[in-house]
Amino acid sequence: MLSEHARSPMGNRQGPIPVQRLSRKEMIPCQAKKGSNHPSIKDGGFAFILCWLMLALNLPCLVHADLTINPYVGGGVNYDDNIDLSPTEADHDVVTSIRPGVDLNWTGRHGNLGISYNPSYNAYVNRPEYTFTSHTATLEGSLTIARGTSLTASNAYMHTEDPLTGDDTTVRRGRNPYFSNTATVGISSQFGAESQIDLTYTYYVLENDDITIEDSSYHQPELAMTYWFLPNRYAIEMEGQYTIGDFDTSEDFEDLGARIRLIKRFGRRFDVYIDYSHTYLDYMNDAEDYQVYSPIIGFAWDERADTRFEFSFGYFYRDNEFSGDDDGIVGNINVAYEWGPGGTITFNGSVGYDQAFFGAENLGFNPFYEIATEVTYPIAQRLTGTLSGSYRRSLYIDETPDREDSVWGGETGLAYQALPWLRLNLNYTYSQINSNVDLNDYTKNQVMLSVTLTPRQPIRF
C-alpha cells in the first residue's frame, strides 16, 4: 500500500498517512504472530460486518428499487516471455483464460447498491502446475438518512496467484496464493454547494501463503472536511487520520496525521492553495519514531472544459528520533486534455517521498520521482487505440545497504467493438525493473488477444 505524498498530501491513496520509517531488518520467514494489545490481522471482520449491516439497512429501500443485471463472459490468449519474473533465465508460456462475471446494481429513491463478481480461470500450456483461478469481488452502497446526509459502505476482495496485480511497486515472486480485502464504512454530510464533512473507517488486510512474505493489516478512522466560508472565494480543507499498523514480524505502529489547506479562488476555474501536512509515527517497541513536516503551495486551473492543469511545489523534512534527518522537494504537475469525441491525453510528473508498506515487501521511506503519460484516440467509428508509458525511480534509504529501483512500464492496445455484443482487444504490455540488488531485476513482455461477450441491453427488473 503506497501513500504518494507528492501527488496530493493525504489524498488519492488507499492506505494510511505516510509512514516513513521501518526498523532495519533482513527478510525472514514470517513466524507466529507476536503478542500485541492491538487488533490482529484476524480481527478486521468488524468493518466487513459493518458493510453487510449497511446492506441489511439498505434492503427495505431496495425492495422497490430498479435492478440492473449485466452478465458477461470473456476469454483470451496471452503470450508471456517471463512467467517467473526471472532476472536471468526467463521462461515463456502461453496462458489461456476464461473470465465470466456479473454486475448487479440496485437504484432506489433513498439508496443504491452495486455488487460485482469476477472469477478468472488461467491455464498454462507449458507449466500446467501454474494453472490457477482468481477471484475479485466488490460491494458498494449508499443510504440517504437525511437531506444531504448519507451512509456509505464498500468492500473490495481479491484472491490470486498472479504476482503482478494492484499498485504495489515492490517485487513479488513465486506462485503462492494471497488475498487482500479492503472494507470501508462512513457517513457523509453536505452543507453547502461545495462544503462537506466525511467520517470513515477503513480496514485493510493482506495475507500470503508464502512464508517469506509478511502478512499485514491496518485499521484507520479518518475525518475530513471542506468548508467554503466565503462561497466561491475562500475555503479551508482539514483532514485527520489515526492508523494502527499490524504485522506478523515487523514492529507494529500507531500513526497520527493531519493536513490543512487554505484555498483562494480567482474566478470560477482557478484555485490557488497553501497546504501543510504533519505526520507523527510511534512504534510500539524500540524502532525509531519520527515526524514529517511538509508545506506545499499550488494551483489548479480548468478554465476550458477540455483542459485541466495542476501544479504544486513544496518541501518535506523528516525529523528522526535518533539518526540523521532527511529532507527533499515535493512537487506535482498534472495535465489533462480532451479533443474530439473520445480523444484524451494525460501527463503526470511527480517528485517527493513515498512509503512501501502493506505490500509484498516492507521497504519503508523512499524519496522518488516519476513520470507517466497516456493517450486514447478513436481511430475509427468502432476502433479505439491507447498508448501509455511510465517511469519511476525509488530510493529505499531505510534498507541496508540502500536500495534503488527503476521501474519502467509501457502498454499499447486496440479495442474493436465488432458488434453491439462483441468486443475484441489486442494489447501489448512491457514491464521492467532495474535494481542495484540484481536479484530484483526482471524484464517482461506480454501480448494478449481477448474477446468479451455482453448482452445488447442489460437485464432490468
Protein backbone atom coordinates (compact mmCIF):
# COMPACT_ATOMS: atom_id res chain seq x y z
CA MET A 1 0.00 0.00 0.00
CA LEU A 2 1.61 3.22 -1.14
CA SER A 3 0.98 6.78 0.01
CA GLU A 4 2.30 9.08 -2.71
CA HIS A 5 2.60 12.32 -0.81
CA ALA A 6 3.74 14.48 -3.67
CA ARG A 7 0.62 13.85 -5.72
CA SER A 8 -1.83 15.12 -3.15
CA PRO A 9 -0.90 15.21 0.52
CA MET A 10 -3.08 12.77 2.39
CA GLY A 11 -5.28 12.37 -0.68
CA ASN A 12 -5.71 9.98 -3.62
CA ARG A 13 -4.42 6.96 -1.84
CA GLN A 14 -5.64 3.65 -0.40
CA GLY A 15 -3.51 3.49 2.67
CA PRO A 16 -2.69 5.42 5.81
CA ILE A 17 -0.98 8.76 6.11
CA PRO A 18 2.66 8.29 5.02
CA VAL A 19 4.50 6.05 7.47
CA GLN A 20 8.11 6.83 6.82
CA ARG A 21 10.29 4.57 8.97
CA LEU A 22 10.70 0.83 9.24
CA SER A 23 13.11 -0.92 11.54
CA ARG A 24 16.12 -2.08 9.54
CA LYS A 25 15.99 -5.81 9.20
CA GLU A 26 16.71 -8.65 6.84
CA MET A 27 13.81 -10.52 5.26
CA ILE A 28 13.00 -13.59 7.32
CA PRO A 29 10.20 -16.13 7.03
CA CYS A 30 7.03 -14.92 8.74
CA GLN A 31 6.64 -16.51 12.13
CA ALA A 32 3.73 -16.95 14.51
CA LYS A 33 2.11 -13.67 15.43
CA LYS A 34 3.89 -11.89 18.24
CA GLY A 35 1.94 -10.72 21.26
CA SER A 36 0.16 -7.41 20.83
CA ASN A 37 -2.51 -5.44 22.63
CA HIS A 38 -3.78 -4.10 19.34
CA PRO A 39 -6.16 -5.67 16.82
CA SER A 40 -4.57 -8.54 14.93
CA ILE A 41 -4.91 -9.34 11.26
CA LYS A 42 -7.77 -11.70 12.01
CA ASP A 43 -9.83 -9.06 13.88
CA GLY A 44 -10.78 -6.91 10.90
CA GLY A 45 -14.16 -8.55 10.46
CA PHE A 46 -15.66 -5.52 12.22
CA ALA A 47 -15.55 -3.39 9.07
CA PHE A 48 -16.70 -6.32 6.96
CA ILE A 49 -19.67 -6.84 9.29
CA LEU A 50 -20.48 -3.13 9.12
CA CYS A 51 -20.50 -3.33 5.31
CA TRP A 52 -23.06 -6.12 5.38
CA LEU A 53 -25.03 -4.31 8.11
CA MET A 54 -25.15 -1.40 5.71
CA LEU A 55 -26.50 -3.80 3.09
CA ALA A 56 -29.18 -5.01 5.51
CA LEU A 57 -30.21 -1.42 6.29
CA ASN A 58 -30.44 -0.74 2.58
CA LEU A 59 -32.68 -3.70 1.79
CA PRO A 60 -36.00 -2.01 2.69
CA CYS A 61 -35.11 0.87 0.35
CA LEU A 62 -34.20 -1.55 -2.43
CA VAL A 63 -37.38 -3.62 -2.35
CA HIS A 64 -38.98 -1.23 -4.83
CA ALA A 65 -35.71 -0.21 -6.47
CA ASP A 66 -34.75 -0.81 -10.08
CA LEU A 67 -32.45 -3.79 -10.59
CA THR A 68 -30.00 -3.95 -13.48
CA ILE A 69 -28.04 -7.13 -14.22
CA ASN A 70 -25.01 -7.02 -16.53
CA PRO A 71 -23.63 -10.51 -17.16
CA TYR A 72 -20.64 -11.03 -19.42
CA VAL A 73 -18.04 -13.59 -20.33
CA GLY A 74 -14.55 -13.05 -21.66
CA GLY A 75 -11.70 -15.19 -22.83
CA GLY A 76 -8.25 -14.73 -24.20
CA VAL A 77 -4.81 -15.99 -25.10
CA ASN A 78 -1.75 -14.38 -23.52
CA TYR A 79 1.89 -14.89 -24.50
CA ASP A 80 4.23 -14.18 -21.56
CA ASP A 81 8.02 -14.28 -22.07
CA ASN A 82 8.94 -14.29 -18.34
CA ILE A 83 6.33 -16.02 -16.20
CA ASP A 84 8.65 -16.28 -13.15
CA LEU A 85 9.97 -12.68 -13.31
CA SER A 86 13.45 -14.15 -13.51
CA PRO A 87 16.44 -11.77 -13.70
CA THR A 88 18.43 -14.18 -15.92
CA GLU A 89 16.76 -17.32 -17.29
CA ALA A 90 13.33 -16.21 -18.48
CA ASP A 91 10.76 -18.96 -19.04
CA HIS A 92 7.98 -18.23 -21.56
CA ASP A 93 4.49 -19.69 -21.75
CA VAL A 94 1.07 -19.30 -23.35
CA VAL A 95 -1.82 -18.70 -20.96
CA THR A 96 -5.46 -19.18 -21.89
CA SER A 97 -8.11 -17.62 -19.69
CA ILE A 98 -11.87 -17.66 -19.20
CA ARG A 99 -13.40 -14.73 -17.32
CA PRO A 100 -17.14 -14.79 -16.60
CA GLY A 101 -18.61 -12.03 -14.49
CA VAL A 102 -21.75 -10.24 -13.38
CA ASP A 103 -22.59 -6.74 -12.16
CA LEU A 104 -25.74 -6.20 -10.08
CA ASN A 105 -26.99 -2.66 -9.49
CA TRP A 106 -30.00 -1.57 -7.45
CA THR A 107 -31.10 2.06 -7.71
CA GLY A 108 -33.79 3.35 -5.39
CA ARG A 109 -35.15 6.65 -4.18
CA HIS A 110 -33.13 6.67 -0.95
CA GLY A 111 -30.30 4.29 -1.68
CA ASN A 112 -28.28 2.32 -4.18
CA LEU A 113 -26.23 -0.84 -4.13
CA GLY A 114 -23.74 -2.39 -6.53
CA ILE A 115 -22.23 -5.88 -6.38
CA SER A 116 -19.67 -7.26 -8.84
CA TYR A 117 -18.04 -10.68 -9.03
CA ASN A 118 -15.29 -11.59 -11.50
CA PRO A 119 -13.63 -15.02 -11.37
CA SER A 120 -10.91 -15.95 -13.85
CA TYR A 121 -9.54 -19.38 -14.80
CA ASN A 122 -5.97 -19.22 -16.15
CA ALA A 123 -4.40 -22.31 -17.76
CA TYR A 124 -0.68 -22.54 -18.60
CA VAL A 125 0.33 -24.67 -21.60
CA ASN A 126 3.98 -25.45 -20.75
CA ARG A 127 3.68 -25.23 -16.96
CA PRO A 128 0.28 -26.73 -16.09
CA GLU A 129 1.21 -26.71 -12.40
CA TYR A 130 0.92 -22.89 -12.58
CA THR A 131 -2.77 -23.05 -13.57
CA PHE A 132 -4.91 -21.12 -11.08
CA THR A 133 -8.28 -19.45 -10.53
CA SER A 134 -8.50 -15.89 -9.26
CA HIS A 135 -11.46 -14.09 -7.70
CA THR A 136 -12.31 -10.41 -7.37
CA ALA A 137 -15.48 -9.06 -5.81
CA THR A 138 -16.69 -5.59 -4.87
CA LEU A 139 -19.63 -4.18 -2.96
CA GLU A 140 -20.61 -0.51 -2.89
CA GLY A 141 -23.70 1.01 -1.35
CA SER A 142 -25.15 4.26 -0.03
CA LEU A 143 -28.24 5.10 2.01
CA THR A 144 -29.69 8.59 2.38
CA ILE A 145 -30.72 9.13 6.01
CA ALA A 146 -31.44 12.87 5.83
CA ARG A 147 -31.26 15.66 3.31
CA GLY A 148 -27.62 15.95 2.28
CA THR A 149 -26.52 13.14 4.61
CA SER A 150 -25.83 9.55 3.64
CA LEU A 151 -24.23 6.37 4.92
CA THR A 152 -21.73 4.65 2.63
CA ALA A 153 -20.06 1.26 2.61
CA SER A 154 -17.70 -0.58 0.29
CA ASN A 155 -15.75 -3.82 0.25
CA ALA A 156 -13.11 -4.96 -2.26
CA TYR A 157 -11.77 -8.52 -2.22
CA MET A 158 -9.05 -10.14 -4.35
CA HIS A 159 -7.64 -13.68 -4.27
CA THR A 160 -4.97 -14.60 -6.83
CA GLU A 161 -1.61 -16.19 -7.55
CA ASP A 162 -0.54 -13.56 -10.10
CA PRO A 163 2.47 -11.66 -8.69
CA LEU A 164 1.72 -8.53 -10.75
CA THR A 165 -1.53 -7.00 -9.50
CA GLY A 166 -2.58 -3.74 -7.91
CA ASP A 167 -0.43 -0.68 -7.28
CA ASP A 168 2.34 -2.35 -5.26
CA THR A 169 5.69 -1.03 -6.55
CA THR A 170 7.72 -3.63 -4.62
CA VAL A 171 8.69 -7.03 -6.04
CA ARG A 172 6.63 -10.17 -5.52
CA ARG A 173 7.80 -13.51 -6.92
CA GLY A 174 6.51 -17.04 -6.74
CA ARG A 175 3.11 -18.54 -7.41
CA ASN A 176 1.77 -18.88 -3.89
CA PRO A 177 -1.81 -17.66 -3.36
CA TYR A 178 -2.52 -14.46 -1.48
CA PHE A 179 -5.54 -12.30 -0.84
CA SER A 180 -6.34 -8.73 0.12
CA ASN A 181 -9.53 -7.16 1.41
CA THR A 182 -10.43 -3.53 1.98
CA ALA A 183 -13.62 -2.66 3.88
CA THR A 184 -14.78 0.93 4.39
CA VAL A 185 -17.84 2.40 6.10
CA GLY A 186 -18.64 6.07 6.51
CA ILE A 187 -21.08 8.90 6.85
CA SER A 188 -21.05 11.98 4.63
CA SER A 189 -22.92 15.25 5.02
CA GLN A 190 -23.05 18.11 2.52
CA PHE A 191 -23.91 21.52 4.00
CA GLY A 192 -23.32 23.80 1.04
CA ALA A 193 -22.76 23.79 -2.69
CA GLU A 194 -19.16 22.62 -2.19
CA SER A 195 -18.89 22.17 1.59
CA GLN A 196 -18.84 18.66 3.00
CA ILE A 197 -17.76 16.63 6.03
CA ASP A 198 -16.88 12.92 5.95
CA LEU A 199 -16.20 10.39 8.68
CA THR A 200 -14.89 6.98 7.55
CA TYR A 201 -13.38 3.84 8.98
CA THR A 202 -11.23 1.51 6.84
CA TYR A 203 -9.81 -1.92 7.50
CA TYR A 204 -7.27 -3.49 5.12
CA VAL A 205 -5.72 -6.95 5.29
CA LEU A 206 -3.12 -8.78 3.20
CA GLU A 207 -2.45 -12.48 3.83
CA ASN A 208 0.07 -14.63 1.95
CA ASP A 209 0.59 -18.39 1.70
CA ASP A 210 4.29 -17.68 1.04
CA ILE A 211 6.02 -17.72 4.44
CA THR A 212 8.73 -15.33 3.21
CA ILE A 213 6.14 -12.59 2.61
CA GLU A 214 4.78 -10.86 5.67
CA ASP A 215 1.06 -10.61 6.43
CA SER A 216 -0.13 -7.14 7.39
CA SER A 217 -3.20 -5.06 8.10
CA TYR A 218 -4.27 -1.63 9.27
CA HIS A 219 -7.26 -0.02 11.00
CA GLN A 220 -7.88 3.60 10.07
CA PRO A 221 -10.55 6.09 11.15
CA GLU A 222 -10.49 9.37 9.23
CA LEU A 223 -12.25 12.72 9.48
CA ALA A 224 -12.20 15.19 6.57
CA MET A 225 -13.93 18.50 5.95
CA THR A 226 -14.11 21.05 3.15
CA TYR A 227 -15.74 24.37 4.10
CA TRP A 228 -16.23 27.35 1.80
CA PHE A 229 -16.66 30.06 4.44
CA LEU A 230 -16.89 32.66 1.67
CA PRO A 231 -18.61 30.79 -1.19
CA ASN A 232 -16.65 30.80 -4.45
CA ARG A 233 -13.87 32.84 -2.82
CA TYR A 234 -12.20 31.22 0.20
CA ALA A 235 -12.23 27.68 1.54
CA ILE A 236 -10.47 25.54 4.10
CA GLU A 237 -9.80 21.81 3.93
CA MET A 238 -8.94 19.83 7.06
CA GLU A 239 -8.18 16.14 7.36
CA GLY A 240 -7.00 13.84 10.12
CA GLN A 241 -6.24 10.12 10.30
CA TYR A 242 -5.31 7.70 13.04
CA THR A 243 -3.77 4.43 11.85
CA ILE A 244 -2.87 1.23 13.65
CA GLY A 245 -0.50 -0.89 11.55
CA ASP A 246 -0.25 -4.58 12.43
CA PHE A 247 2.39 -7.04 11.14
CA ASP A 248 3.38 -10.65 11.64
CA THR A 249 7.07 -9.94 12.33
CA SER A 250 7.78 -6.23 11.84
CA GLU A 251 7.10 -3.83 14.66
CA ASP A 252 3.54 -2.52 14.93
CA PHE A 253 2.94 1.22 15.00
CA GLU A 254 0.46 3.95 15.73
CA ASP A 255 0.35 6.87 13.32
CA LEU A 256 -1.36 10.23 13.65
CA GLY A 257 -1.50 12.56 10.68
CA ALA A 258 -3.19 15.84 9.86
CA ARG A 259 -3.45 18.20 6.92
CA ILE A 260 -4.82 21.71 6.46
CA ARG A 261 -5.24 23.58 3.17
CA LEU A 262 -6.34 27.17 2.55
CA ILE A 263 -7.83 27.83 -0.89
CA LYS A 264 -8.33 31.12 -2.70
CA ARG A 265 -10.49 31.04 -5.85
CA PHE A 266 -9.95 33.50 -8.68
CA GLY A 267 -12.92 33.48 -11.00
CA ARG A 268 -14.76 30.18 -11.37
CA ARG A 269 -11.94 27.98 -12.66
CA PHE A 270 -8.69 28.95 -10.95
CA ASP A 271 -7.81 27.85 -7.39
CA VAL A 272 -4.60 28.70 -5.53
CA TYR A 273 -3.79 26.97 -2.26
CA ILE A 274 -1.33 26.69 0.62
CA ASP A 275 -1.10 23.25 2.20
CA TYR A 276 0.61 21.87 5.30
CA SER A 277 0.68 18.25 6.45
CA HIS A 278 2.19 16.72 9.57
CA THR A 279 2.77 13.08 10.48
CA TYR A 280 3.80 11.59 13.80
CA LEU A 281 4.62 7.87 13.94
CA ASP A 282 5.14 5.95 17.17
CA TYR A 283 6.43 2.38 17.02
CA MET A 284 5.24 0.05 19.77
CA ASN A 285 8.69 -1.07 20.88
CA ASP A 286 12.24 0.01 20.01
CA ALA A 287 12.16 1.09 16.36
CA GLU A 288 12.96 4.72 15.62
CA ASP A 289 10.00 7.12 15.78
CA TYR A 290 9.83 10.20 13.57
CA GLN A 291 7.83 13.20 12.44
CA VAL A 292 7.38 14.60 8.92
CA TYR A 293 6.67 18.27 8.16
CA SER A 294 5.63 19.24 4.64
CA PRO A 295 4.41 22.66 3.40
CA ILE A 296 3.22 22.97 -0.20
CA ILE A 297 1.85 25.69 -2.48
CA GLY A 298 -0.03 25.00 -5.69
CA PHE A 299 -2.85 25.81 -8.06
CA ALA A 300 -5.48 24.09 -10.21
CA TRP A 301 -6.79 25.57 -13.46
CA ASP A 302 -9.60 24.28 -15.66
CA GLU A 303 -10.80 27.35 -17.50
CA ARG A 304 -11.70 25.31 -20.56
CA ALA A 305 -14.00 22.30 -20.45
CA ASP A 306 -11.45 20.18 -22.34
CA THR A 307 -8.30 21.14 -20.41
CA ARG A 308 -7.12 20.83 -16.81
CA PHE A 309 -3.76 21.83 -15.37
CA GLU A 310 -2.49 21.35 -11.81
CA PHE A 311 0.83 22.29 -10.28
CA SER A 312 2.25 22.10 -6.76
CA PHE A 313 5.67 22.61 -5.21
CA GLY A 314 6.94 22.21 -1.67
CA TYR A 315 9.37 20.69 0.76
CA PHE A 316 9.46 17.83 3.25
CA TYR A 317 11.57 17.44 6.37
CA ARG A 318 11.73 14.16 8.29
CA ASP A 319 12.82 14.54 11.90
CA ASN A 320 14.14 11.16 13.04
CA GLU A 321 14.33 10.28 16.72
CA PHE A 322 17.98 9.13 16.69
CA SER A 323 19.55 9.07 13.23
CA GLY A 324 20.24 11.91 10.81
CA ASP A 325 17.26 13.74 9.42
CA ASP A 326 16.04 13.62 5.80
CA ASP A 327 14.65 16.33 3.55
CA GLY A 328 13.79 16.98 -0.06
CA ILE A 329 11.47 18.52 -2.62
CA VAL A 330 7.87 17.55 -3.27
CA GLY A 331 6.03 18.60 -6.39
CA ASN A 332 3.50 17.59 -8.96
CA ILE A 333 2.39 18.50 -12.49
CA ASN A 334 -0.87 17.14 -13.91
CA VAL A 335 -2.14 17.94 -17.40
CA ALA A 336 -5.31 16.52 -18.98
CA TYR A 337 -6.63 17.43 -22.43
CA GLU A 338 -9.60 16.14 -24.41
CA TRP A 339 -10.06 16.57 -28.12
CA GLY A 340 -12.90 15.46 -30.32
CA PRO A 341 -15.22 12.65 -29.24
CA GLY A 342 -13.19 10.17 -27.19
CA GLY A 343 -9.67 11.54 -27.61
CA THR A 344 -7.70 12.22 -24.41
CA ILE A 345 -4.12 12.78 -23.34
CA THR A 346 -2.84 12.94 -19.76
CA PHE A 347 0.58 13.65 -18.29
CA ASN A 348 1.75 13.40 -14.69
CA GLY A 349 5.13 14.24 -13.22
CA SER A 350 5.83 13.82 -9.52
CA VAL A 351 8.73 14.14 -7.10
CA GLY A 352 8.62 13.68 -3.36
CA TYR A 353 8.54 10.95 -0.76
CA ASP A 354 6.55 7.78 -0.56
CA GLN A 355 6.49 4.65 1.55
CA ALA A 356 6.34 0.98 0.65
CA PHE A 357 4.14 -0.59 3.29
CA PHE A 358 1.37 -3.21 3.43
CA GLY A 359 2.60 -4.85 0.24
CA ALA A 360 4.81 -7.74 -0.88
CA GLU A 361 7.86 -6.03 0.64
CA ASN A 362 8.08 -3.60 3.55
CA LEU A 363 10.84 -1.25 2.38
CA GLY A 364 9.87 1.91 4.21
CA PHE A 365 10.59 5.52 3.39
CA ASN A 366 11.63 6.23 -0.20
CA PRO A 367 12.23 9.52 -1.99
CA PHE A 368 11.08 9.08 -5.58
CA TYR A 369 10.37 10.75 -8.86
CA GLU A 370 8.16 9.51 -11.67
CA ILE A 371 6.51 10.45 -14.93
CA ALA A 372 3.52 8.85 -16.64
CA THR A 373 1.51 9.62 -19.75
CA GLU A 374 -1.44 8.09 -21.57
CA VAL A 375 -3.12 8.77 -24.91
CA THR A 376 -6.50 7.46 -26.06
CA TYR A 377 -7.62 8.08 -29.63
CA PRO A 378 -10.67 6.93 -31.64
CA ILE A 379 -9.05 5.63 -34.81
CA ALA A 380 -12.36 4.77 -36.46
CA GLN A 381 -16.03 4.60 -35.52
CA ARG A 382 -15.65 1.29 -33.67
CA LEU A 383 -11.88 1.19 -33.19
CA THR A 384 -10.01 2.89 -30.33
CA GLY A 385 -6.28 2.91 -29.71
CA THR A 386 -4.40 3.51 -26.46
CA LEU A 387 -0.75 4.17 -25.68
CA SER A 388 0.78 4.69 -22.24
CA GLY A 389 4.19 4.77 -20.62
CA SER A 390 5.67 5.35 -17.18
CA TYR A 391 8.97 5.56 -15.32
CA ARG A 392 9.57 5.62 -11.58
CA ARG A 393 12.80 5.75 -9.59
CA SER A 394 12.62 4.91 -5.88
CA LEU A 395 15.45 5.15 -3.34
CA TYR A 396 14.79 2.97 -0.28
CA ILE A 397 17.10 4.68 2.19
CA ASP A 398 15.99 2.65 5.22
CA GLU A 399 17.33 -0.56 3.69
CA THR A 400 20.90 -1.70 4.45
CA PRO A 401 22.54 -1.12 2.04
CA ASP A 402 20.37 1.47 0.29
CA ARG A 403 18.27 0.01 -2.49
CA GLU A 404 17.48 1.81 -5.75
CA ASP A 405 14.76 0.57 -8.10
CA SER A 406 13.96 1.95 -11.55
CA VAL A 407 10.59 0.75 -12.81
CA TRP A 408 9.64 1.07 -16.48
CA GLY A 409 6.20 0.34 -17.87
CA GLY A 410 4.50 0.62 -21.24
CA GLU A 411 1.31 -0.53 -22.89
CA THR A 412 -0.39 -0.16 -26.24
CA GLY A 413 -3.65 -1.64 -27.40
CA LEU A 414 -6.56 -1.69 -29.81
CA ALA A 415 -10.21 -2.12 -28.84
CA TYR A 416 -12.70 -3.01 -31.58
CA GLN A 417 -16.46 -3.07 -30.97
CA ALA A 418 -17.25 -5.55 -33.73
CA LEU A 419 -20.91 -5.92 -32.75
CA PRO A 420 -23.07 -4.41 -30.02
CA TRP A 421 -22.49 -7.59 -28.00
CA LEU A 422 -18.92 -8.43 -29.12
CA ARG A 423 -15.68 -6.59 -28.27
CA LEU A 424 -12.16 -7.56 -29.35
CA ASN A 425 -8.97 -6.37 -27.65
CA LEU A 426 -5.32 -6.69 -28.65
CA ASN A 427 -2.77 -5.47 -26.10
CA TYR A 428 0.99 -5.40 -25.66
CA THR A 429 2.49 -4.75 -22.20
CA TYR A 430 6.10 -4.11 -21.23
CA SER A 431 7.45 -4.00 -17.68
CA GLN A 432 10.99 -3.82 -16.36
CA ILE A 433 12.73 -3.32 -13.03
CA ASN A 434 16.40 -2.32 -12.81
CA SER A 435 17.71 -2.51 -9.25
CA ASN A 436 21.09 -2.28 -7.56
CA VAL A 437 20.04 -5.58 -5.97
CA ASP A 438 20.46 -7.76 -9.05
CA LEU A 439 18.07 -10.48 -7.85
CA ASN A 440 15.22 -7.95 -8.12
CA ASP A 441 15.79 -7.28 -11.84
CA TYR A 442 13.44 -8.57 -14.50
CA THR A 443 12.07 -7.73 -17.94
CA LYS A 444 8.65 -8.93 -19.05
CA ASN A 445 6.78 -8.73 -22.37
CA GLN A 446 3.16 -9.81 -22.83
CA VAL A 447 0.86 -9.93 -25.85
CA MET A 448 -2.82 -10.70 -25.28
CA LEU A 449 -5.79 -11.20 -27.58
CA SER A 450 -9.15 -11.25 -25.80
CA VAL A 451 -12.85 -11.44 -26.63
CA THR A 452 -15.72 -10.18 -24.44
CA LEU A 453 -19.40 -11.02 -24.92
CA THR A 454 -22.10 -8.88 -23.31
CA PRO A 455 -25.87 -8.61 -23.85
CA ARG A 456 -27.08 -5.89 -26.20
CA GLN A 457 -29.03 -4.44 -23.29
CA PRO A 458 -28.69 -5.10 -19.56
CA ILE A 459 -31.38 -7.17 -17.89
CA ARG A 460 -33.78 -4.90 -16.00
CA PHE A 461 -36.37 -5.63 -13.33
